Structures are given as C-alpha cells and as structure tokens.
Amino acid sequence: MNTAGTIDRPLTYDPQKQAPMKPSTHDIAGTAPEDFTTSGAKDSRQNRTREMQLIPEALARAHMHDRLHEAEQERRALRVATARRMQRRAERASMRARRALAMAVMQ
C-alpha cells in the first residue's frame, strides 16, 4: 500500500526531497500571496520543516546535558562526603597519637 507520509512519519526526513506545502482545498484559487510559489517561501518552509525535525534531537541534547550536570553534582557531593569522613578519621588518629605521646612523656 503506497500511502503518503504523515507529519509523524514522513516519507523522508530530507527537507529537499519532501513535497512542497500546498494550499488547502478550501482556499479560493488565486488568493495565495504572490511570493507563495517563490523560492524564498519554499526555502523558509523547508527550514521550518528541518527545524521541526530537529526539535526532538535538541530536547534529547538538553536532557542529556541536565543528566550530566546532575551526575557531576552527585560526584562532587560524594567527594565532599568522602573528604569529610577522611578528615574525621585523620583527626581521630591525631588525637590517638597525642594521647600516646602524652602517656609516653608521663611515664
């Protein structure tokens, strides 16, 4: 079955190979603006189509940027927590060493 492409599933994603936009059937012939058939109008329609096709890609890129940013924040938070834990451990070791030195001096 040869069915023309739809908005969601165009026959091709290449804007240069897509059929140009046509006026709707309820428009009266001859009422279209003069530049409707000019190449400038066709190029603007093609660019609009290309931009619309790239919207999901742009959304995915923004989503991945957000996810990478969140992952970096989580890594930073994990490093801070680890550094605090190591600092407490070092402080406890330092206190033990001081106590041991004080005990050795006292005897």
Protein backbone atom coordinates (compact mmCIF):
# COMPACT_ATOMS: atom_id res chain seq x y z
CA MET A 1 0.00 0.00 0.00
CA ASN A 2 1.59 3.28 -1.12
CA THR A 3 0.46 5.85 1.40
CA ALA A 4 1.80 9.38 1.50
CA GLY A 5 3.84 10.26 4.56
CA THR A 6 2.27 11.86 7.59
CA ILE A 7 3.56 14.56 9.88
CA ASP A 8 4.69 11.97 12.43
CA ARG A 9 6.13 9.60 9.83
CA PRO A 10 7.24 11.49 6.71
CA LEU A 11 8.36 9.52 3.70
CA THR A 12 11.78 11.13 4.02
CA TYR A 13 13.47 13.28 6.63
CA ASP A 14 15.45 15.17 3.98
CA PRO A 15 13.67 18.53 3.55
CA GLN A 16 14.94 18.86 -0.02
CA LYS A 17 13.13 15.66 -1.02
CA GLN A 18 9.82 16.47 0.67
CA ALA A 19 6.83 17.65 -1.30
CA PRO A 20 6.24 21.41 -1.10
CA MET A 21 3.40 22.71 1.03
CA LYS A 22 0.16 23.10 -0.93
CA PRO A 23 -2.69 25.49 -0.21
CA SER A 24 -5.67 23.90 1.49
CA THR A 25 -8.65 22.81 -0.62
CA HIS A 26 -10.98 25.42 0.90
CA ASP A 27 -8.77 28.30 -0.29
CA ILE A 28 -10.03 30.07 -3.38
CA ALA A 29 -7.69 29.80 -6.37
CA GLY A 30 -5.65 32.94 -6.90
CA THR A 31 -5.92 34.17 -3.29
CA ALA A 32 -2.47 32.97 -2.29
CA PRO A 33 0.12 35.71 -1.80
CA GLU A 34 2.42 36.43 -4.73
CA ASP A 35 5.50 35.02 -3.05
CA PHE A 36 3.76 31.71 -2.22
CA THR A 37 5.49 29.99 -5.12
CA THR A 38 8.78 31.86 -4.91
CA SER A 39 11.91 30.03 -3.87
CA GLY A 40 12.20 32.17 -0.73
CA ALA A 41 8.90 30.87 0.57
CA LYS A 42 9.86 27.31 -0.29
CA ASP A 43 13.20 27.71 1.47
CA SER A 44 11.51 29.10 4.57
CA ARG A 45 9.09 26.16 4.60
CA GLN A 46 11.97 23.74 4.18
CA ASN A 47 13.91 25.40 7.02
CA ARG A 48 10.84 25.28 9.23
CA THR A 49 10.43 21.60 8.46
CA ARG A 50 14.11 20.95 9.21
CA GLU A 51 13.86 22.85 12.49
CA MET A 52 10.77 20.89 13.48
CA GLN A 53 12.54 17.65 12.73
CA LEU A 54 15.46 18.69 14.92
CA ILE A 55 13.30 19.55 17.95
CA PRO A 56 13.44 16.02 19.45
CA GLU A 57 17.20 15.98 18.96
CA ALA A 58 17.54 19.33 20.72
CA LEU A 59 15.31 18.12 23.56
CA ALA A 60 17.40 14.96 23.92
CA ARG A 61 20.59 17.03 23.93
CA ALA A 62 19.19 19.32 26.65
CA HIS A 63 18.03 16.30 28.66
CA MET A 64 21.47 14.69 28.43
CA HIS A 65 23.09 18.00 29.44
CA ASP A 66 20.87 18.10 32.53
CA ARG A 67 21.62 14.46 33.36
CA LEU A 68 25.38 15.04 33.02
CA HIS A 69 25.10 18.13 35.22
CA GLU A 70 23.21 16.15 37.89
CA ALA A 71 25.76 13.33 37.73
CA GLU A 72 28.61 15.81 38.17
CA GLN A 73 26.85 17.34 41.19
CA GLU A 74 26.38 13.88 42.71
CA ARG A 75 30.07 13.08 42.16
CA ARG A 76 31.04 16.39 43.78
CA ALA A 77 28.80 15.69 46.78
CA LEU A 78 30.26 12.19 47.11
CA ARG A 79 33.81 13.61 47.03
CA VAL A 80 32.92 16.16 49.74
CA ALA A 81 31.37 13.46 51.93
CA THR A 82 34.41 11.23 51.46
CA ALA A 83 36.78 14.12 52.26
CA ARG A 84 34.87 14.89 55.49
CA ARG A 85 34.97 11.25 56.50
CA MET A 86 38.72 11.09 55.87
CA GLN A 87 39.23 14.33 57.81
CA ARG A 88 37.38 12.93 60.85
CA ARG A 89 39.43 9.74 60.62
CA ALA A 90 42.66 11.78 60.46
CA GLU A 91 41.58 13.89 63.45
CA ARG A 92 40.88 10.74 65.49
CA ALA A 93 44.29 9.30 64.53
CA SER A 94 45.92 12.59 65.51
CA MET A 95 44.19 12.54 68.91
CA ARG A 96 45.31 8.95 69.47
CA ALA A 97 48.88 9.91 68.60
CA ARG A 98 48.75 12.88 71.02
CA ARG A 99 47.41 10.67 73.79
CA ALA A 100 50.09 8.06 73.14
CA LEU A 101 52.80 10.75 73.21
CA ALA A 102 51.39 12.24 76.43
CA MET A 103 51.30 8.78 78.03
CA ALA A 104 54.92 8.15 76.97
CA VAL A 105 56.06 11.51 78.42
CA MET A 106 54.16 10.96 81.68
CA GLN A 107 55.93 7.66 82.42
